[in-house]
Amino acid sequence: MWQKPHLLTAVSDLLFLAGAAALLVAAVVWGTPRLHLFPLSEVQVTHELREVQRGELEESLSELLRGNFFTVDIETVRQSLEGLPWVRRAEIWRKWPSRIEVRIEEHQAVAHWGDGQGQLVNTYGEVFPASLVREQSLPRLSGPTGSSGEILRRYEEFAQLMKPVGLLPAQLALSPRLAWLVKLEDGMWIELGREQPKAPIRMRLQRFVDYYPTLSDTRGVRPTAVDMRYPNGFALRFPASAVQEVKGKK
């Protein structure tokens, strides 16, 4: 056999594999009874939560915090928390020797989204599925998929323009044809139409604000709707379905 180098090499490789397998088995046998070492003793949320409920957190984490300080899957925990309705972002850290720290960024709802219930818009203009825990007076926004950020930006712009008349938009809708429609807190509708270079939406709404104090008829009745899509004027619709054309030249 000593005169056959290839046979010696094969025997050497076999002995090496056998030794490696023995070490692996020894590591498993040694480590298994020690899995109880470095147990997780605490999960700490680093700040107070307003919308996320404690029960939701416990339910989400109960099946995931198995193992010990080293073996718990931090990424899976993060993904599970970000699946909760009011969690926008979650960050997880291991804190030696036995603690997991959790930082949760909650959604801050600023508006309802769409025609139904169960969807809200946060301060970033993102739509998220959730229901309000407590009653809040929020406007309702609606529009094509992916337009929520632009609609929220427009809402804030319109609300600023409407301050002189003491009313806020209660609803703001963007149609599939990109036409804007506003409903005020008092129920009045404002048709602003599509953005146009010669008659921007902002200019049309400013014209409405300028003429708002004069919009009553001779009986003092306020219109139910105002059509601002005209270049230099607007149309009024009153409860009796009478339509009046008003020249709004400056």
C-alpha atoms as a PDB file:
ATOM      1  CA  MET A   1       0.000   0.000   0.000  1.00  0.00           C
ATOM      2  CA  TRP A   2       2.927   2.329   0.745  1.00  0.00           C
ATOM      3  CA  GLN A   3       3.924   2.027  -2.900  1.00  0.00           C
ATOM      4  CA  LYS A   4       0.486   3.223  -4.050  1.00  0.00           C
ATOM      5  CA  PRO A   5       0.236   7.002  -3.439  1.00  0.00           C
ATOM      6  CA  HIS A   6      -3.287   7.257  -4.816  1.00  0.00           C
ATOM      7  CA  LEU A   7      -4.490   4.700  -2.277  1.00  0.00           C
ATOM      8  CA  LEU A   8      -2.817   6.583   0.541  1.00  0.00           C
ATOM      9  CA  THR A   9      -4.520   9.793  -0.587  1.00  0.00           C
ATOM     10  CA  ALA A  10      -7.934   8.126  -0.607  1.00  0.00           C
ATOM     11  CA  VAL A  11      -7.405   6.743   2.907  1.00  0.00           C
ATOM     12  CA  SER A  12      -6.257  10.165   4.111  1.00  0.00           C
ATOM     13  CA  ASP A  13      -9.375  11.846   2.680  1.00  0.00           C
ATOM     14  CA  LEU A  14     -11.604   9.256   4.292  1.00  0.00           C
ATOM     15  CA  LEU A  15      -9.994   9.753   7.695  1.00  0.00           C
ATOM     16  CA  PHE A  16     -10.378  13.542   7.336  1.00  0.00           C
ATOM     17  CA  LEU A  17     -14.095  13.259   6.564  1.00  0.00           C
ATOM     18  CA  ALA A  18     -14.599  10.872   9.452  1.00  0.00           C
ATOM     19  CA  GLY A  19     -12.853  13.274  11.821  1.00  0.00           C
ATOM     20  CA  ALA A  20     -14.953  16.228  10.600  1.00  0.00           C
ATOM     21  CA  ALA A  21     -18.158  14.260  11.068  1.00  0.00           C
ATOM     22  CA  ALA A  22     -17.100  13.286  14.583  1.00  0.00           C
ATOM     23  CA  LEU A  23     -16.431  16.932  15.468  1.00  0.00           C
ATOM     24  CA  LEU A  24     -19.855  17.962  14.115  1.00  0.00           C
ATOM     25  CA  VAL A  25     -21.611  15.278  16.158  1.00  0.00           C
ATOM     26  CA  ALA A  26     -19.661  16.303  19.250  1.00  0.00           C
ATOM     27  CA  ALA A  27     -20.632  19.954  18.762  1.00  0.00           C
ATOM     28  CA  VAL A  28     -24.321  19.054  18.490  1.00  0.00           C
ATOM     29  CA  VAL A  29     -24.169  16.782  21.520  1.00  0.00           C
ATOM     30  CA  TRP A  30     -22.331  19.440  23.507  1.00  0.00           C
ATOM     31  CA  GLY A  31     -24.515  22.344  22.395  1.00  0.00           C
ATOM     32  CA  THR A  32     -27.996  20.833  22.645  1.00  0.00           C
ATOM     33  CA  PRO A  33     -28.250  20.750  26.425  1.00  0.00           C
ATOM     34  CA  ARG A  34     -26.829  24.289  26.554  1.00  0.00           C
ATOM     35  CA  LEU A  35     -29.481  25.961  24.373  1.00  0.00           C
ATOM     36  CA  HIS A  36     -31.006  27.277  27.568  1.00  0.00           C
ATOM     37  CA  LEU A  37     -27.942  29.480  28.013  1.00  0.00           C
ATOM     38  CA  PHE A  38     -28.330  33.208  27.215  1.00  0.00           C
ATOM     39  CA  PRO A  39     -32.140  33.138  27.340  1.00  0.00           C
ATOM     40  CA  LEU A  40     -34.156  36.187  26.382  1.00  0.00           C
ATOM     41  CA  SER A  41     -35.533  37.739  29.533  1.00  0.00           C
ATOM     42  CA  GLU A  42     -36.941  41.052  28.300  1.00  0.00           C
ATOM     43  CA  VAL A  43     -38.408  42.755  25.236  1.00  0.00           C
ATOM     44  CA  GLN A  44     -38.333  46.526  25.664  1.00  0.00           C
ATOM     45  CA  VAL A  45     -40.210  49.038  23.503  1.00  0.00           C
ATOM     46  CA  THR A  46     -38.104  52.182  23.663  1.00  0.00           C
ATOM     47  CA  HIS A  47     -40.923  54.749  23.615  1.00  0.00           C
ATOM     48  CA  GLU A  48     -44.619  55.114  24.346  1.00  0.00           C
ATOM     49  CA  LEU A  49     -47.057  53.890  21.698  1.00  0.00           C
ATOM     50  CA  ARG A  50     -50.295  55.694  20.895  1.00  0.00           C
ATOM     51  CA  GLU A  51     -52.048  53.462  18.373  1.00  0.00           C
ATOM     52  CA  VAL A  52     -50.368  50.039  18.509  1.00  0.00           C
ATOM     53  CA  GLN A  53     -51.981  47.949  21.225  1.00  0.00           C
ATOM     54  CA  ARG A  54     -49.944  45.900  23.686  1.00  0.00           C
ATOM     55  CA  GLY A  55     -51.989  42.798  22.896  1.00  0.00           C
ATOM     56  CA  GLU A  56     -51.111  43.111  19.196  1.00  0.00           C
ATOM     57  CA  LEU A  57     -47.408  43.255  20.020  1.00  0.00           C
ATOM     58  CA  GLU A  58     -47.554  40.263  22.321  1.00  0.00           C
ATOM     59  CA  GLU A  59     -49.475  38.195  19.794  1.00  0.00           C
ATOM     60  CA  SER A  60     -47.086  39.129  16.998  1.00  0.00           C
ATOM     61  CA  LEU A  61     -43.977  38.319  19.049  1.00  0.00           C
ATOM     62  CA  SER A  62     -45.114  35.266  20.998  1.00  0.00           C
ATOM     63  CA  GLU A  63     -44.283  32.733  18.265  1.00  0.00           C
ATOM     64  CA  LEU A  64     -41.094  34.459  17.107  1.00  0.00           C
ATOM     65  CA  LEU A  65     -39.077  34.989  20.282  1.00  0.00           C
ATOM     66  CA  ARG A  66     -38.031  31.381  20.555  1.00  0.00           C
ATOM     67  CA  GLY A  67     -34.455  30.300  21.082  1.00  0.00           C
ATOM     68  CA  ASN A  68     -31.952  32.416  22.951  1.00  0.00           C
ATOM     69  CA  PHE A  69     -30.228  35.775  22.673  1.00  0.00           C
ATOM     70  CA  PHE A  70     -28.139  34.631  19.698  1.00  0.00           C
ATOM     71  CA  THR A  71     -30.608  32.482  17.785  1.00  0.00           C
ATOM     72  CA  VAL A  72     -33.725  34.670  17.670  1.00  0.00           C
ATOM     73  CA  ASP A  73     -34.349  35.822  14.068  1.00  0.00           C
ATOM     74  CA  ILE A  74     -34.291  39.630  14.261  1.00  0.00           C
ATOM     75  CA  GLU A  75     -35.314  40.138  10.621  1.00  0.00           C
ATOM     76  CA  THR A  76     -38.374  37.915  10.964  1.00  0.00           C
ATOM     77  CA  VAL A  77     -39.403  39.799  14.102  1.00  0.00           C
ATOM     78  CA  ARG A  78     -39.075  43.106  12.255  1.00  0.00           C
ATOM     79  CA  GLN A  79     -41.181  41.929   9.324  1.00  0.00           C
ATOM     80  CA  SER A  80     -43.858  40.600  11.666  1.00  0.00           C
ATOM     81  CA  LEU A  81     -44.119  43.919  13.518  1.00  0.00           C
ATOM     82  CA  GLU A  82     -44.294  45.905  10.281  1.00  0.00           C
ATOM     83  CA  GLY A  83     -47.271  43.764   9.309  1.00  0.00           C
ATOM     84  CA  LEU A  84     -49.335  45.295  12.146  1.00  0.00           C
ATOM     85  CA  PRO A  85     -51.856  47.927  10.971  1.00  0.00           C
ATOM     86  CA  TRP A  86     -50.415  50.981  12.739  1.00  0.00           C
ATOM     87  CA  VAL A  87     -46.699  50.147  12.410  1.00  0.00           C
ATOM     88  CA  ARG A  88     -44.940  52.079   9.657  1.00  0.00           C
ATOM     89  CA  ARG A  89     -41.406  50.948  10.500  1.00  0.00           C
ATOM     90  CA  ALA A  90     -39.813  48.746  13.155  1.00  0.00           C
ATOM     91  CA  GLU A  91     -36.187  48.514  14.249  1.00  0.00           C
ATOM     92  CA  ILE A  92     -34.850  45.684  16.446  1.00  0.00           C
ATOM     93  CA  TRP A  93     -31.589  45.465  18.406  1.00  0.00           C
ATOM     94  CA  ARG A  94     -29.980  42.838  20.614  1.00  0.00           C
ATOM     95  CA  LYS A  95     -28.863  44.299  23.939  1.00  0.00           C
ATOM     96  CA  TRP A  96     -26.418  42.158  25.852  1.00  0.00           C
ATOM     97  CA  PRO A  97     -26.906  39.940  27.680  1.00  0.00           C
ATOM     98  CA  SER A  98     -30.613  39.052  27.456  1.00  0.00           C
ATOM     99  CA  ARG A  99     -32.704  41.922  26.108  1.00  0.00           C
ATOM    100  CA  ILE A 100     -34.300  42.749  22.775  1.00  0.00           C
ATOM    101  CA  GLU A 101     -35.049  46.426  22.149  1.00  0.00           C
ATOM    102  CA  VAL A 102     -37.816  47.475  19.767  1.00  0.00           C
ATOM    103  CA  ARG A 103     -38.313  50.900  18.245  1.00  0.00           C
ATOM    104  CA  ILE A 104     -41.621  51.387  16.412  1.00  0.00           C
ATOM    105  CA  GLU A 105     -42.534  54.293  14.169  1.00  0.00           C
ATOM    106  CA  GLU A 106     -46.304  54.527  14.111  1.00  0.00           C
ATOM    107  CA  HIS A 107     -48.435  55.844  11.290  1.00  0.00           C
ATOM    108  CA  GLN A 108     -49.923  59.259  12.064  1.00  0.00           C
ATOM    109  CA  ALA A 109     -53.306  59.407  10.357  1.00  0.00           C
ATOM    110  CA  VAL A 110     -54.227  62.736   8.745  1.00  0.00           C
ATOM    111  CA  ALA A 111     -57.090  61.660   6.453  1.00  0.00           C
ATOM    112  CA  HIS A 112     -59.422  58.880   5.421  1.00  0.00           C
ATOM    113  CA  TRP A 113     -58.776  57.369   2.004  1.00  0.00           C
ATOM    114  CA  GLY A 114     -61.304  56.371  -0.649  1.00  0.00           C
ATOM    115  CA  ASP A 115     -65.035  55.894  -0.406  1.00  0.00           C
ATOM    116  CA  GLY A 116     -65.100  53.118   2.181  1.00  0.00           C
ATOM    117  CA  GLN A 117     -63.689  52.439   5.639  1.00  0.00           C
ATOM    118  CA  GLY A 118     -60.468  50.787   6.683  1.00  0.00           C
ATOM    119  CA  GLN A 119     -57.902  52.881   4.804  1.00  0.00           C
ATOM    120  CA  LEU A 120     -56.119  55.979   6.080  1.00  0.00           C
ATOM    121  CA  VAL A 121     -53.456  58.392   4.854  1.00  0.00           C
ATOM    122  CA  ASN A 122     -50.428  59.181   7.013  1.00  0.00           C
ATOM    123  CA  THR A 123     -48.299  62.330   7.206  1.00  0.00           C
ATOM    124  CA  TYR A 124     -46.087  61.020   4.374  1.00  0.00           C
ATOM    125  CA  GLY A 125     -49.064  60.718   2.040  1.00  0.00           C
ATOM    126  CA  GLU A 126     -48.958  56.918   2.262  1.00  0.00           C
ATOM    127  CA  VAL A 127     -52.158  54.856   2.333  1.00  0.00           C
ATOM    128  CA  PHE A 128     -52.265  52.169   5.029  1.00  0.00           C
ATOM    129  CA  PRO A 129     -54.999  49.743   6.128  1.00  0.00           C
ATOM    130  CA  ALA A 130     -56.236  50.551   9.621  1.00  0.00           C
ATOM    131  CA  SER A 131     -59.231  51.784  11.577  1.00  0.00           C
ATOM    132  CA  LEU A 132     -59.218  54.697  13.983  1.00  0.00           C
ATOM    133  CA  VAL A 133     -58.974  53.600  17.605  1.00  0.00           C
ATOM    134  CA  ARG A 134     -60.728  56.765  18.804  1.00  0.00           C
ATOM    135  CA  GLU A 135     -63.018  59.229  17.090  1.00  0.00           C
ATOM    136  CA  GLN A 136     -61.196  61.895  15.086  1.00  0.00           C
ATOM    137  CA  SER A 137     -62.440  64.490  12.637  1.00  0.00           C
ATOM    138  CA  LEU A 138     -60.328  63.812   9.559  1.00  0.00           C
ATOM    139  CA  PRO A 139     -60.888  64.882   5.940  1.00  0.00           C
ATOM    140  CA  ARG A 140     -61.517  62.304   3.237  1.00  0.00           C
ATOM    141  CA  LEU A 141     -59.178  62.077   0.250  1.00  0.00           C
ATOM    142  CA  SER A 142     -59.676  59.976  -2.861  1.00  0.00           C
ATOM    143  CA  GLY A 143     -58.070  59.530  -6.238  1.00  0.00           C
ATOM    144  CA  PRO A 144     -56.277  57.126  -8.574  1.00  0.00           C
ATOM    145  CA  THR A 145     -53.866  54.544  -7.190  1.00  0.00           C
ATOM    146  CA  GLY A 146     -50.534  56.123  -6.318  1.00  0.00           C
ATOM    147  CA  SER A 147     -51.896  59.679  -6.116  1.00  0.00           C
ATOM    148  CA  SER A 148     -52.323  59.934  -2.332  1.00  0.00           C
ATOM    149  CA  GLY A 149     -49.106  61.910  -1.790  1.00  0.00           C
ATOM    150  CA  GLU A 150     -50.034  64.532  -4.378  1.00  0.00           C
ATOM    151  CA  ILE A 151     -53.608  64.781  -3.061  1.00  0.00           C
ATOM    152  CA  LEU A 152     -52.394  65.309   0.508  1.00  0.00           C
ATOM    153  CA  ARG A 153     -50.021  68.030  -0.696  1.00  0.00           C
ATOM    154  CA  ARG A 154     -52.908  69.731  -2.518  1.00  0.00           C
ATOM    155  CA  TYR A 155     -55.161  69.391   0.523  1.00  0.00           C
ATOM    156  CA  GLU A 156     -52.641  71.245   2.673  1.00  0.00           C
ATOM    157  CA  GLU A 157     -52.308  73.930  -0.022  1.00  0.00           C
ATOM    158  CA  PHE A 158     -56.092  74.320  -0.341  1.00  0.00           C
ATOM    159  CA  ALA A 159     -56.572  74.439   3.434  1.00  0.00           C
ATOM    160  CA  GLN A 160     -54.091  77.312   3.631  1.00  0.00           C
ATOM    161  CA  LEU A 161     -55.883  79.208   0.852  1.00  0.00           C
ATOM    162  CA  MET A 162     -59.274  78.693   2.528  1.00  0.00           C
ATOM    163  CA  LYS A 163     -58.257  80.233   5.880  1.00  0.00           C
ATOM    164  CA  PRO A 164     -59.707  83.688   5.079  1.00  0.00           C
ATOM    165  CA  VAL A 165     -63.236  82.236   4.768  1.00  0.00           C
ATOM    166  CA  GLY A 166     -62.916  80.157   7.938  1.00  0.00           C
ATOM    167  CA  LEU A 167     -63.676  76.820   6.262  1.00  0.00           C
ATOM    168  CA  LEU A 168     -61.564  73.745   5.612  1.00  0.00           C
ATOM    169  CA  PRO A 169     -61.961  71.137   2.878  1.00  0.00           C
ATOM    170  CA  ALA A 170     -63.854  68.155   4.275  1.00  0.00           C
ATOM    171  CA  GLN A 171     -63.281  66.104   1.117  1.00  0.00           C
ATOM    172  CA  LEU A 172     -60.835  66.370  -1.754  1.00  0.00           C
ATOM    173  CA  ALA A 173     -61.115  64.121  -4.791  1.00  0.00           C
ATOM    174  CA  LEU A 174     -59.001  63.718  -7.918  1.00  0.00           C
ATOM    175  CA  SER A 175     -60.876  62.049 -10.771  1.00  0.00           C
ATOM    176  CA  PRO A 176     -59.325  59.548 -13.227  1.00  0.00           C
ATOM    177  CA  ARG A 177     -59.225  62.477 -15.692  1.00  0.00           C
ATOM    178  CA  LEU A 178     -57.221  64.472 -13.104  1.00  0.00           C
ATOM    179  CA  ALA A 179     -60.012  66.945 -12.313  1.00  0.00           C
ATOM    180  CA  TRP A 180     -60.190  68.331  -8.759  1.00  0.00           C
ATOM    181  CA  LEU A 181     -63.359  68.431  -6.651  1.00  0.00           C
ATOM    182  CA  VAL A 182     -63.580  69.945  -3.150  1.00  0.00           C
ATOM    183  CA  LYS A 183     -66.312  69.656  -0.529  1.00  0.00           C
ATOM    184  CA  LEU A 184     -66.190  72.205   2.288  1.00  0.00           C
ATOM    185  CA  GLU A 185     -67.105  71.682   5.931  1.00  0.00           C
ATOM    186  CA  ASP A 186     -70.470  73.397   5.369  1.00  0.00           C
ATOM    187  CA  GLY A 187     -71.363  70.973   2.569  1.00  0.00           C
ATOM    188  CA  MET A 188     -70.645  73.272  -0.383  1.00  0.00           C
ATOM    189  CA  TRP A 189     -68.969  71.666  -3.413  1.00  0.00           C
ATOM    190  CA  ILE A 190     -66.306  73.429  -5.496  1.00  0.00           C
ATOM    191  CA  GLU A 191     -65.532  72.102  -8.974  1.00  0.00           C
ATOM    192  CA  LEU A 192     -62.001  73.168  -9.872  1.00  0.00           C
ATOM    193  CA  GLY A 193     -61.454  70.997 -12.946  1.00  0.00           C
ATOM    194  CA  ARG A 194     -58.085  70.073 -14.400  1.00  0.00           C
ATOM    195  CA  GLU A 195     -54.808  71.911 -14.021  1.00  0.00           C
ATOM    196  CA  GLN A 196     -54.274  74.391 -16.870  1.00  0.00           C
ATOM    197  CA  PRO A 197     -51.285  76.646 -17.575  1.00  0.00           C
ATOM    198  CA  LYS A 198     -53.455  79.727 -18.195  1.00  0.00           C
ATOM    199  CA  ALA A 199     -55.813  79.083 -15.273  1.00  0.00           C
ATOM    200  CA  PRO A 200     -53.992  77.122 -12.539  1.00  0.00           C
ATOM    201  CA  ILE A 201     -56.010  75.347  -9.869  1.00  0.00           C
ATOM    202  CA  ARG A 202     -54.552  77.594  -7.188  1.00  0.00           C
ATOM    203  CA  MET A 203     -55.708  80.714  -9.064  1.00  0.00           C
ATOM    204  CA  ARG A 204     -59.249  79.329  -9.448  1.00  0.00           C
ATOM    205  CA  LEU A 205     -59.527  78.525  -5.762  1.00  0.00           C
ATOM    206  CA  GLN A 206     -58.175  81.958  -4.851  1.00  0.00           C
ATOM    207  CA  ARG A 207     -60.895  83.496  -7.023  1.00  0.00           C
ATOM    208  CA  PHE A 208     -63.485  81.478  -5.084  1.00  0.00           C
ATOM    209  CA  VAL A 209     -62.075  82.780  -1.789  1.00  0.00           C
ATOM    210  CA  ASP A 210     -62.148  86.355  -3.038  1.00  0.00           C
ATOM    211  CA  TYR A 211     -65.827  86.128  -4.055  1.00  0.00           C
ATOM    212  CA  TYR A 212     -67.020  83.827  -1.263  1.00  0.00           C
ATOM    213  CA  PRO A 213     -68.662  86.615   0.816  1.00  0.00           C
ATOM    214  CA  THR A 214     -70.848  87.580  -2.188  1.00  0.00           C
ATOM    215  CA  LEU A 215     -72.090  84.110  -3.124  1.00  0.00           C
ATOM    216  CA  SER A 216     -75.532  84.316  -1.458  1.00  0.00           C
ATOM    217  CA  ASP A 217     -78.622  84.997  -3.577  1.00  0.00           C
ATOM    218  CA  THR A 218     -81.100  87.794  -2.878  1.00  0.00           C
ATOM    219  CA  ARG A 219     -82.716  85.656  -0.163  1.00  0.00           C
ATOM    220  CA  GLY A 220     -79.381  85.053   1.571  1.00  0.00           C
ATOM    221  CA  VAL A 221     -79.299  81.406   0.475  1.00  0.00           C
ATOM    222  CA  ARG A 222     -75.828  79.940  -0.022  1.00  0.00           C
ATOM    223  CA  PRO A 223     -75.157  77.850  -3.144  1.00  0.00           C
ATOM    224  CA  THR A 224     -74.769  74.091  -2.849  1.00  0.00           C
ATOM    225  CA  ALA A 225     -72.059  74.012  -5.533  1.00  0.00           C
ATOM    226  CA  VAL A 226     -69.728  76.419  -7.293  1.00  0.00           C
ATOM    227  CA  ASP A 227     -68.257  75.621 -10.708  1.00  0.00           C
ATOM    228  CA  MET A 228     -64.866  77.365 -10.987  1.00  0.00           C
ATOM    229  CA  ARG A 229     -63.842  75.829 -14.318  1.00  0.00           C
ATOM    230  CA  TYR A 230     -64.549  79.039 -16.246  1.00  0.00           C
ATOM    231  CA  PRO A 231     -61.582  81.252 -17.219  1.00  0.00           C
ATOM    232  CA  ASN A 232     -63.030  84.499 -15.861  1.00  0.00           C
ATOM    233  CA  GLY A 233     -66.149  83.583 -13.944  1.00  0.00           C
ATOM    234  CA  PHE A 234     -68.040  80.811 -12.165  1.00  0.00           C
ATOM    235  CA  ALA A 235     -71.452  79.171 -12.015  1.00  0.00           C
ATOM    236  CA  LEU A 236     -73.570  78.742  -8.887  1.00  0.00           C
ATOM    237  CA  ARG A 237     -76.025  75.957  -8.127  1.00  0.00           C
ATOM    238  CA  PHE A 238     -78.611  76.700  -5.453  1.00  0.00           C
ATOM    239  CA  PRO A 239     -80.842  74.270  -3.546  1.00  0.00           C
ATOM    240  CA  ALA A 240     -83.783  75.111  -5.834  1.00  0.00           C
ATOM    241  CA  SER A 241     -81.669  73.908  -8.777  1.00  0.00           C
ATOM    242  CA  ALA A 242     -81.438  77.428 -10.180  1.00  0.00           C
ATOM    243  CA  VAL A 243     -78.121  78.095 -11.870  1.00  0.00           C
ATOM    244  CA  GLN A 244     -76.723  81.577 -12.070  1.00  0.00           C
ATOM    245  CA  GLU A 245     -73.750  82.755 -14.042  1.00  0.00           C
ATOM    246  CA  VAL A 246     -71.601  85.247 -12.213  1.00  0.00           C
ATOM    247  CA  LYS A 247     -68.861  87.189 -13.882  1.00  0.00           C
ATOM    248  CA  GLY A 248     -65.852  87.204 -11.614  1.00  0.00           C
ATOM    249  CA  LYS A 249     -63.492  89.464 -13.462  1.00  0.00           C
ATOM    250  CA  LYS A 250     -60.856  91.147 -11.401  1.00  0.00           C
END
